[in-house]
């Protein structure tokens, strides 16, 4: 009996499980499966959308703010040309503000659209705004005159707004009342007397942006070129070395101030004239020997030009090498190492450009071995042969004093047969033939 009860219980349990599985299958068949996650609510529209346009530099700064939309996590911002629909800028942000720098040349109205998002987009909100005209008109002009009549000619006129709304007013620079320039590309004025006058044209657009254009002078009656005097220093120079200066000592014109006279200088060596800015002198180095006369070209504000010769300069070539000597120590100490630790001498360049450097090399035979002096490390290095020692030696290079005296230190010198070789180079690059001095060092 005890063994049959569990079997009946097991059968009942299995039947219940089968019924449950059948019910589950039926539920699936009827579409009552596991519940899917509901999508987030669609974001509401943004409110309080505002936009400002300013121009701190070349591009406009567009700044926008708005109130947060319900259920929104991000916002797609798009700026476009309201007239053509062309996109200008945009971004996706997670805050309620946005800004950008954008070039709005040729754009008269912009549209800003903000779309809230939360996996799916909400309703977009847009505003439009006119691009403010903050640029003044710009024009270009030429001037001319015949006798006492001055003429201004307009060669271009531009503005962000309608050109027809731009007004022009001319101040002729002679204390007369400014004159409205209402039509045409030219306007004339009769001056009361000869002189130098500085006219201006004031441009104003339809929203009040104003620009004053300063024109070239009108100089009726000026037919005389400016004059001046100029000196040259030094009067003799070395080619490729000496700086030659042309110095202005006087400059005058009948109408233009000296500071308003343009200057160029032709150095007389075949080069193009060089513009001479507002300095009292101008410098030049001649490349080849010869005699040159610098010429200064002067031009006043009326366009009258004249040329004035400066003093001539004679340029010489230094083709002679300098002379170098090694000064021997006193005979009593000539065999001492201490007397040769610093080699002395003199270098001259009579009638030349002057000595620039003296180069000193040294080698020494110690027993049967040759050593060369390496100035870069101030050490003596062993070499296989005398010739190899000369080749590998590194010279001590010194600049002589004004008297021509020079000294070169040989660190770490020891007893042996010392050979010192010196040469000199002048400022023109000429190098003399090296001289060699021998000393047998037997004492310290």
Protein backbone atom coordinates (compact mmCIF):
# COMPACT_ATOMS: atom_id res chain seq x y z
CA UNK A 1 0.00 0.00 0.00
CA UNK A 2 2.81 2.42 0.89
CA UNK A 3 4.45 1.94 -2.44
CA UNK A 4 1.34 2.76 -4.55
CA UNK A 5 0.51 6.17 -3.03
CA UNK A 6 3.62 7.96 -4.31
CA UNK A 7 2.93 6.70 -7.81
CA UNK A 8 -0.55 8.19 -7.80
CA UNK A 9 0.86 11.48 -6.48
CA UNK A 10 3.49 11.58 -9.24
CA UNK A 11 0.89 10.99 -11.91
CA UNK A 12 -1.29 13.77 -10.59
CA UNK A 13 1.68 16.17 -10.52
CA UNK A 14 2.60 15.34 -14.10
CA UNK A 15 -0.96 15.91 -15.23
CA UNK A 16 -1.08 19.30 -13.60
CA UNK A 17 2.24 20.26 -15.24
CA UNK A 18 0.94 19.18 -18.63
CA UNK A 19 -2.18 21.26 -18.22
CA UNK A 20 -0.03 24.24 -17.22
CA UNK A 21 2.17 23.84 -20.31
CA UNK A 22 -0.88 23.56 -22.52
CA UNK A 23 -2.24 26.77 -21.01
CA UNK A 24 1.06 28.54 -21.57
CA UNK A 25 1.11 27.39 -25.17
CA UNK A 26 -2.44 28.58 -25.61
CA UNK A 27 -1.56 31.94 -24.08
CA UNK A 28 1.33 32.36 -26.48
CA UNK A 29 -0.87 31.38 -29.37
CA UNK A 30 -3.39 34.00 -28.39
CA UNK A 31 -0.72 36.73 -28.21
CA UNK A 32 -0.39 37.03 -24.45
CA UNK A 33 3.47 36.76 -24.42
CA UNK A 34 5.95 38.70 -22.19
CA UNK A 35 5.14 42.47 -22.04
CA UNK A 36 7.44 44.83 -24.10
CA UNK A 37 8.90 48.13 -22.61
CA UNK A 38 6.79 51.14 -23.47
CA UNK A 39 8.55 53.96 -25.49
CA UNK A 40 9.17 57.23 -23.64
CA UNK A 41 6.55 59.93 -24.04
CA UNK A 42 7.00 62.20 -27.04
CA UNK A 43 8.72 65.47 -26.00
CA UNK A 44 6.64 68.59 -25.87
CA UNK A 45 7.64 71.70 -27.86
CA UNK A 46 10.18 74.20 -26.56
CA UNK A 47 8.90 77.58 -25.42
CA UNK A 48 10.49 80.97 -24.97
CA UNK A 49 12.82 80.59 -27.96
CA UNK A 50 14.97 83.71 -28.38
CA UNK A 51 17.87 84.61 -30.68
CA UNK A 52 20.37 87.50 -30.78
CA UNK A 53 22.81 88.42 -33.55
CA UNK A 54 25.93 90.49 -32.89
CA UNK A 55 29.14 90.98 -34.84
CA UNK A 56 32.23 91.14 -32.60
CA UNK A 57 34.61 90.51 -35.52
CA UNK A 58 34.39 89.34 -39.13
CA UNK A 59 31.63 86.77 -38.42
CA UNK A 60 28.28 87.12 -36.67
CA UNK A 61 27.79 85.62 -33.22
CA UNK A 62 24.42 83.86 -33.04
CA UNK A 63 23.18 83.13 -29.51
CA UNK A 64 19.92 81.30 -28.70
CA UNK A 65 18.10 80.29 -25.50
CA UNK A 66 14.82 78.49 -24.79
CA UNK A 67 12.82 76.89 -22.00
CA UNK A 68 13.18 73.17 -21.44
CA UNK A 69 10.63 70.96 -23.19
CA UNK A 70 8.85 68.23 -21.24
CA UNK A 71 10.39 64.77 -21.58
CA UNK A 72 13.25 66.11 -23.77
CA UNK A 73 16.82 64.90 -23.23
CA UNK A 74 18.52 66.66 -26.19
CA UNK A 75 17.76 69.40 -28.70
CA UNK A 76 18.63 69.55 -32.40
CA UNK A 77 19.45 73.16 -33.35
CA UNK A 78 19.52 74.29 -36.99
CA UNK A 79 20.27 77.75 -38.40
CA UNK A 80 19.34 78.42 -42.02
CA UNK A 81 18.89 81.19 -44.57
CA UNK A 82 15.21 82.07 -44.21
CA UNK A 83 15.05 83.19 -47.85
CA UNK A 84 16.73 80.26 -49.59
CA UNK A 85 16.51 77.55 -46.94
CA UNK A 86 20.24 76.91 -47.20
CA UNK A 87 21.69 75.49 -43.95
CA UNK A 88 24.16 77.76 -42.17
CA UNK A 89 25.03 76.01 -38.89
CA UNK A 90 23.68 73.49 -36.40
CA UNK A 91 24.37 71.05 -33.61
CA UNK A 92 22.78 68.73 -31.04
CA UNK A 93 22.95 69.94 -27.43
CA UNK A 94 21.77 68.68 -24.06
CA UNK A 95 21.26 72.16 -22.59
CA UNK A 96 18.80 74.96 -23.30
CA UNK A 97 21.22 77.33 -25.04
CA UNK A 98 23.38 77.38 -28.16
CA UNK A 99 25.81 79.76 -29.87
CA UNK A 100 27.99 79.81 -32.96
CA UNK A 101 30.06 82.13 -35.15
CA UNK A 102 28.83 82.20 -38.75
CA UNK A 103 29.48 84.16 -41.93
CA UNK A 104 26.22 85.85 -42.95
CA UNK A 105 27.48 87.70 -46.00
CA UNK A 106 24.59 88.04 -48.45
CA UNK A 107 22.04 86.71 -45.93
CA UNK A 108 19.24 89.11 -45.01
CA UNK A 109 17.09 86.89 -42.73
CA UNK A 110 17.92 83.77 -40.71
CA UNK A 111 15.66 81.04 -39.30
CA UNK A 112 16.47 79.17 -36.09
CA UNK A 113 14.75 75.83 -35.48
CA UNK A 114 14.95 73.84 -32.24
CA UNK A 115 13.62 70.26 -32.15
CA UNK A 116 13.36 68.49 -28.76
CA UNK A 117 14.28 64.79 -28.73
CA UNK A 118 13.93 61.75 -26.47
CA UNK A 119 14.71 58.76 -28.73
CA UNK A 120 12.12 60.26 -31.07
CA UNK A 121 11.76 63.90 -32.14
CA UNK A 122 9.16 66.25 -30.81
CA UNK A 123 7.51 69.18 -32.52
CA UNK A 124 10.07 71.71 -33.89
CA UNK A 125 9.85 75.38 -32.95
CA UNK A 126 11.23 78.12 -35.23
CA UNK A 127 11.82 81.85 -35.16
CA UNK A 128 13.15 84.18 -37.86
CA UNK A 129 15.17 87.35 -37.51
CA UNK A 130 16.56 89.94 -39.89
CA UNK A 131 20.34 90.13 -40.07
CA UNK A 132 21.21 93.58 -38.71
CA UNK A 133 23.03 95.95 -41.03
CA UNK A 134 25.96 97.12 -38.92
CA UNK A 135 28.47 97.79 -41.70
CA UNK A 136 29.00 101.25 -43.11
CA UNK A 137 29.07 101.73 -46.89
CA UNK A 138 32.45 101.62 -48.60
CA UNK A 139 33.53 103.52 -51.71
CA UNK A 140 36.68 104.20 -53.71
CA UNK A 141 37.51 107.50 -55.40
CA UNK A 142 40.10 109.24 -57.53
CA UNK A 143 40.84 112.96 -57.74
CA UNK A 144 42.04 115.24 -60.52
CA UNK A 145 42.17 118.94 -61.26
CA UNK A 146 42.52 121.41 -64.10
CA UNK A 147 43.61 124.90 -63.10
CA UNK A 148 41.49 125.67 -60.00
CA UNK A 149 38.73 123.13 -60.69
CA UNK A 150 38.94 119.90 -58.70
CA UNK A 151 37.09 116.72 -59.67
CA UNK A 152 36.23 113.63 -57.61
CA UNK A 153 35.36 110.42 -59.47
CA UNK A 154 33.67 107.48 -57.78
CA UNK A 155 35.06 104.13 -58.94
CA UNK A 156 33.05 101.83 -56.64
CA UNK A 157 30.34 101.90 -53.97
CA UNK A 158 29.21 98.95 -51.83
CA UNK A 159 26.86 98.42 -48.91
CA UNK A 160 25.01 95.57 -47.20
CA UNK A 161 21.71 97.35 -47.79
CA UNK A 162 20.19 99.00 -50.86
CA UNK A 163 22.75 101.18 -52.66
CA UNK A 164 19.99 103.64 -53.51
CA UNK A 165 19.68 104.52 -49.82
CA UNK A 166 23.34 105.52 -49.49
CA UNK A 167 23.93 109.28 -49.30
CA UNK A 168 27.21 111.01 -50.21
CA UNK A 169 28.51 114.30 -48.82
CA UNK A 170 31.74 115.96 -50.00
CA UNK A 171 33.96 118.15 -47.86
CA UNK A 172 36.31 119.84 -50.31
CA UNK A 173 38.87 120.67 -47.62
CA UNK A 174 38.78 124.44 -48.19
CA UNK A 175 36.48 125.43 -45.30
CA UNK A 176 33.44 125.74 -47.60
CA UNK A 177 30.14 124.13 -46.59
CA UNK A 178 30.05 120.36 -47.26
CA UNK A 179 28.19 119.57 -50.48
CA UNK A 180 25.61 116.83 -51.07
CA UNK A 181 26.58 114.55 -53.94
CA UNK A 182 23.21 113.40 -55.20
CA UNK A 183 23.78 112.03 -58.71
CA UNK A 184 26.46 110.75 -61.05
CA UNK A 185 29.92 109.32 -60.59
CA UNK A 186 31.76 112.67 -60.74
CA UNK A 187 31.49 115.97 -58.93
CA UNK A 188 33.39 119.24 -59.52
CA UNK A 189 34.41 122.16 -57.32
CA UNK A 190 36.04 125.52 -58.06
CA UNK A 191 38.72 126.46 -55.54
CA UNK A 192 39.36 130.09 -54.74
CA UNK A 193 43.15 129.83 -54.81
CA UNK A 194 46.07 127.54 -55.49
CA UNK A 195 47.00 125.27 -52.62
CA UNK A 196 46.83 121.79 -51.19
CA UNK A 197 43.35 120.59 -50.21
CA UNK A 198 42.36 117.27 -48.60
CA UNK A 199 38.76 116.36 -49.58
CA UNK A 200 36.65 113.68 -47.92
CA UNK A 201 33.47 111.84 -48.88
CA UNK A 202 31.05 110.87 -46.09
CA UNK A 203 28.88 107.83 -46.86
CA UNK A 204 25.73 107.01 -44.85
CA UNK A 205 23.39 104.09 -45.47
CA UNK A 206 19.67 103.80 -44.79
CA UNK A 207 20.11 102.67 -41.17
CA UNK A 208 22.65 105.32 -40.21
CA UNK A 209 25.98 103.50 -40.62
CA UNK A 210 28.55 106.13 -41.61
CA UNK A 211 32.04 106.05 -43.11
CA UNK A 212 34.34 108.99 -43.93
CA UNK A 213 36.60 108.25 -46.90
CA UNK A 214 39.77 110.37 -46.96
CA UNK A 215 40.83 111.07 -50.54
CA UNK A 216 44.15 111.93 -52.11
CA UNK A 217 44.92 115.65 -52.03
CA UNK A 218 43.85 118.06 -54.74
CA UNK A 219 46.72 120.47 -55.41
CA UNK A 220 45.80 123.09 -58.02
CA UNK A 221 48.75 125.18 -59.14
CA UNK A 222 51.45 122.72 -58.01
CA UNK A 223 53.78 122.03 -60.93
CA UNK A 224 57.11 122.04 -59.09
CA UNK A 225 58.92 118.89 -57.95
CA UNK A 226 60.29 118.68 -54.42
CA UNK A 227 64.01 119.19 -53.78
CA UNK A 228 66.50 118.04 -51.16
CA UNK A 229 70.14 117.52 -50.28
CA UNK A 230 71.71 114.19 -49.36
CA UNK A 231 75.15 113.08 -48.18
CA UNK A 232 76.86 109.70 -48.48
CA UNK A 233 78.94 108.16 -45.70
CA UNK A 234 81.52 106.82 -45.87
CA UNK A 235 82.81 108.10 -49.19
CA UNK A 236 85.00 105.01 -49.64
CA UNK A 237 83.90 101.47 -48.89
CA UNK A 238 84.87 97.82 -49.21
CA UNK A 239 82.80 95.61 -51.49
CA UNK A 240 80.45 93.13 -49.76
CA UNK A 241 81.46 94.54 -46.38
CA UNK A 242 81.06 98.24 -45.71
CA UNK A 243 77.62 99.65 -44.91
CA UNK A 244 77.08 102.82 -46.93
CA UNK A 245 74.49 105.32 -45.67
CA UNK A 246 72.71 108.02 -47.64
CA UNK A 247 71.62 110.72 -45.21
CA UNK A 248 68.96 113.35 -45.84
CA UNK A 249 70.05 116.81 -44.71
CA UNK A 250 67.22 118.85 -46.27
CA UNK A 251 63.88 118.28 -48.04
CA UNK A 252 61.26 120.80 -49.15
CA UNK A 253 58.27 121.29 -51.46
CA UNK A 254 56.10 124.28 -52.33
CA UNK A 255 52.86 122.68 -51.06
CA UNK A 256 53.49 119.23 -49.53
CA UNK A 257 55.07 118.86 -46.11
CA UNK A 258 58.42 117.07 -46.10
CA UNK A 259 56.85 114.09 -44.29
CA UNK A 260 54.32 113.73 -47.14
CA UNK A 261 56.94 113.56 -49.90
CA UNK A 262 57.55 110.00 -51.11
CA UNK A 263 61.18 108.94 -51.52
CA UNK A 264 62.97 106.18 -53.37
CA UNK A 265 66.69 105.63 -53.75
CA UNK A 266 68.58 104.14 -56.67
CA UNK A 267 72.00 103.01 -55.45
CA UNK A 268 73.49 103.13 -58.94
CA UNK A 269 74.51 99.46 -59.06
CA UNK A 270 71.75 98.22 -61.35
CA UNK A 271 69.21 97.31 -58.69
CA UNK A 272 65.59 98.45 -58.57
CA UNK A 273 64.88 101.72 -56.72
CA UNK A 274 64.30 101.09 -53.03
CA UNK A 275 61.42 102.70 -51.15
CA UNK A 276 62.66 105.00 -48.40
CA UNK A 277 60.34 105.13 -45.39
CA UNK A 278 60.19 107.85 -42.73
CA UNK A 279 63.82 107.59 -41.58
CA UNK A 280 66.63 110.10 -41.90
CA UNK A 281 69.03 107.64 -43.56
CA UNK A 282 69.06 104.46 -45.62
CA UNK A 283 71.82 101.81 -45.74
CA UNK A 284 73.28 99.65 -48.52
CA UNK A 285 76.20 97.26 -49.11
CA UNK A 286 77.75 97.26 -52.59
CA UNK A 287 78.55 93.84 -54.05
CA UNK A 288 81.32 94.85 -56.46
CA UNK A 289 84.05 97.44 -56.66
CA UNK A 290 83.49 100.68 -58.56
CA UNK A 291 82.36 104.27 -58.20
CA UNK A 292 78.65 104.77 -57.57
CA UNK A 293 76.41 107.82 -57.24
CA UNK A 294 73.22 107.11 -55.28
CA UNK A 295 70.19 109.01 -56.60
CA UNK A 296 67.12 109.94 -54.56
CA UNK A 297 63.76 110.16 -56.37
CA UNK A 298 61.23 112.53 -54.78
CA UNK A 299 57.48 112.72 -55.42
CA UNK A 300 55.10 115.23 -53.89
CA UNK A 301 51.35 114.84 -53.33
CA UNK A 302 50.57 116.45 -56.67
CA UNK A 303 52.57 113.75 -58.45
CA UNK A 304 55.52 115.98 -59.38
CA UNK A 305 58.77 114.00 -59.34
CA UNK A 306 62.42 114.96 -59.25
CA UNK A 307 65.76 113.20 -58.85
CA UNK A 308 68.61 114.43 -56.65
CA UNK A 309 72.12 112.95 -56.69
CA UNK A 310 73.80 112.17 -53.41
CA UNK A 311 77.58 112.25 -53.00
CA UNK A 312 79.45 109.52 -54.90
CA UNK A 313 81.05 106.56 -53.12
CA UNK A 314 84.15 104.65 -54.18
CA UNK A 315 83.96 100.93 -53.50
CA UNK A 316 87.19 98.93 -53.39
CA UNK A 317 87.93 95.21 -53.45
CA UNK A 318 90.28 93.73 -50.83
CA UNK A 319 92.26 91.03 -52.63
CA UNK A 320 95.40 91.05 -50.47
CA UNK A 321 95.74 88.55 -47.63
CA UNK A 322 96.87 89.64 -44.16
CA UNK A 323 100.25 88.83 -42.60
CA UNK A 324 100.69 86.73 -39.45
CA UNK A 325 103.69 86.24 -37.13
CA UNK A 326 104.42 83.94 -34.19
CA UNK A 327 106.34 85.62 -31.39
CA UNK A 328 109.05 83.40 -29.88
CA UNK A 329 109.51 83.28 -26.09
CA UNK A 330 112.72 84.64 -24.60
CA UNK A 331 115.71 82.45 -25.44
CA UNK A 332 116.22 81.58 -21.78
CA UNK A 333 112.83 79.87 -21.51
CA UNK A 334 112.27 78.88 -25.12
CA UNK A 335 112.68 75.18 -24.32
CA UNK A 336 110.22 75.32 -21.39
CA UNK A 337 106.72 73.85 -21.68
CA UNK A 338 105.35 76.76 -19.61
CA UNK A 339 106.57 79.26 -22.24
CA UNK A 340 104.48 77.61 -24.96
CA UNK A 341 101.25 76.90 -23.12
CA UNK A 342 100.07 80.19 -24.59
CA UNK A 343 101.28 80.99 -28.09
CA UNK A 344 101.57 84.71 -28.92
CA UNK A 345 101.84 86.58 -32.18
CA UNK A 346 100.69 89.49 -34.32
CA UNK A 347 98.53 89.74 -37.44
CA UNK A 348 98.24 92.79 -39.70
CA UNK A 349 96.29 93.72 -42.82
CA UNK A 350 97.84 96.96 -44.01
CA UNK A 351 95.55 98.92 -46.35
CA UNK A 352 93.03 96.09 -46.19
CA UNK A 353 89.74 95.41 -44.50
CA UNK A 354 91.42 94.29 -41.27
CA UNK A 355 92.18 90.95 -39.66
CA UNK A 356 89.15 88.98 -38.59
CA UNK A 357 90.58 85.78 -37.10
CA UNK A 358 93.82 83.93 -36.44
CA UNK A 359 93.80 80.13 -36.63
CA UNK A 360 96.42 78.18 -34.66
CA UNK A 361 97.07 74.44 -35.02
CA UNK A 362 99.54 72.41 -32.96
CA UNK A 363 101.05 68.92 -33.08
CA UNK A 364 103.76 67.39 -30.90
CA UNK A 365 106.12 64.44 -31.18
CA UNK A 366 106.56 62.65 -27.87
CA UNK A 367 109.17 59.94 -28.22
CA UNK A 368 108.26 58.23 -31.47
CA UNK A 369 104.53 59.04 -31.35
CA UNK A 370 102.75 62.03 -32.83
CA UNK A 371 99.89 63.83 -31.06
CA UNK A 372 97.55 66.53 -32.34
CA UNK A 373 95.81 69.25 -30.35
CA UNK A 374 92.00 69.14 -30.45
CA UNK A 375 90.73 72.58 -29.47
CA UNK A 376 87.10 71.47 -29.14
CA UNK A 377 88.00 69.21 -26.19
CA UNK A 378 91.30 70.87 -25.18
CA UNK A 379 93.06 67.52 -25.34
CA UNK A 380 95.98 65.91 -27.16
CA UNK A 381 95.13 62.84 -29.24
CA UNK A 382 97.56 60.28 -30.61
CA UNK A 383 97.94 60.00 -34.39
CA UNK A 384 99.81 57.52 -36.56
CA UNK A 385 102.00 59.95 -38.49
CA UNK A 386 102.97 63.58 -38.59
CA UNK A 387 100.82 64.17 -41.66
CA UNK A 388 97.86 62.47 -40.04
CA UNK A 389 98.33 64.60 -36.96
CA UNK A 390 98.13 67.83 -39.00
CA UNK A 391 95.03 66.56 -40.80
CA UNK A 392 93.18 65.70 -37.61
CA UNK A 393 94.18 68.74 -35.57
CA UNK A 394 91.43 71.21 -34.58
CA UNK A 395 92.57 74.83 -34.60
CA UNK A 396 92.27 77.39 -31.85
CA UNK A 397 90.53 80.38 -33.49
CA UNK A 398 90.99 83.80 -31.90
CA UNK A 399 90.19 87.41 -32.76
CA UNK A 400 93.20 89.70 -32.54
CA UNK A 401 93.18 92.94 -30.59
CA UNK A 402 93.04 96.32 -32.31
CA UNK A 403 96.85 96.33 -32.29
CA UNK A 404 96.91 92.99 -34.10
CA UNK A 405 98.23 91.08 -31.08
CA UNK A 406 96.81 87.62 -30.53
CA UNK A 407 97.23 84.71 -28.10
CA UNK A 408 96.14 81.05 -28.33
CA UNK A 409 96.20 78.71 -25.33
CA UNK A 410 97.38 75.08 -25.67
CA UNK A 411 96.06 73.17 -22.66
CA UNK A 412 97.80 69.99 -21.49
CA UNK A 413 101.09 70.64 -23.32
CA UNK A 414 103.97 68.27 -22.43
CA UNK A 415 107.64 67.82 -23.24
CA UNK A 416 108.43 66.90 -26.81
CA UNK A 417 108.96 68.45 -30.23
CA UNK A 418 106.20 71.04 -30.70
CA UNK A 419 105.09 72.34 -34.10
CA UNK A 420 102.77 75.39 -34.14
CA UNK A 421 101.12 76.57 -37.36
CA UNK A 422 99.26 79.91 -37.63
CA UNK A 423 97.27 81.61 -40.39
CA UNK A 424 95.16 84.80 -40.51
CA UNK A 425 91.94 85.67 -42.36
CA UNK A 426 90.79 89.22 -43.05
CA UNK A 427 87.25 90.59 -43.09
CA UNK A 428 87.06 90.14 -46.87
CA UNK A 429 87.76 86.41 -46.53
CA UNK A 430 91.39 86.46 -47.71
CA UNK A 431 93.56 83.94 -45.82
CA UNK A 432 97.33 84.15 -45.71
CA UNK A 433 99.71 81.26 -46.14
CA UNK A 434 100.27 79.50 -42.83
CA UNK A 435 103.60 79.81 -41.01
CA UNK A 436 105.03 77.06 -38.80
CA UNK A 437 107.28 77.40 -35.75
CA UNK A 438 109.19 74.51 -34.17
CA UNK A 439 110.20 74.25 -30.51
CA UNK A 440 111.95 71.39 -28.70
CA UNK A 441 110.58 71.34 -25.16
CA UNK A 442 112.91 69.70 -22.66
CA UNK A 443 111.94 71.43 -19.41
CA UNK A 444 108.75 72.28 -17.61
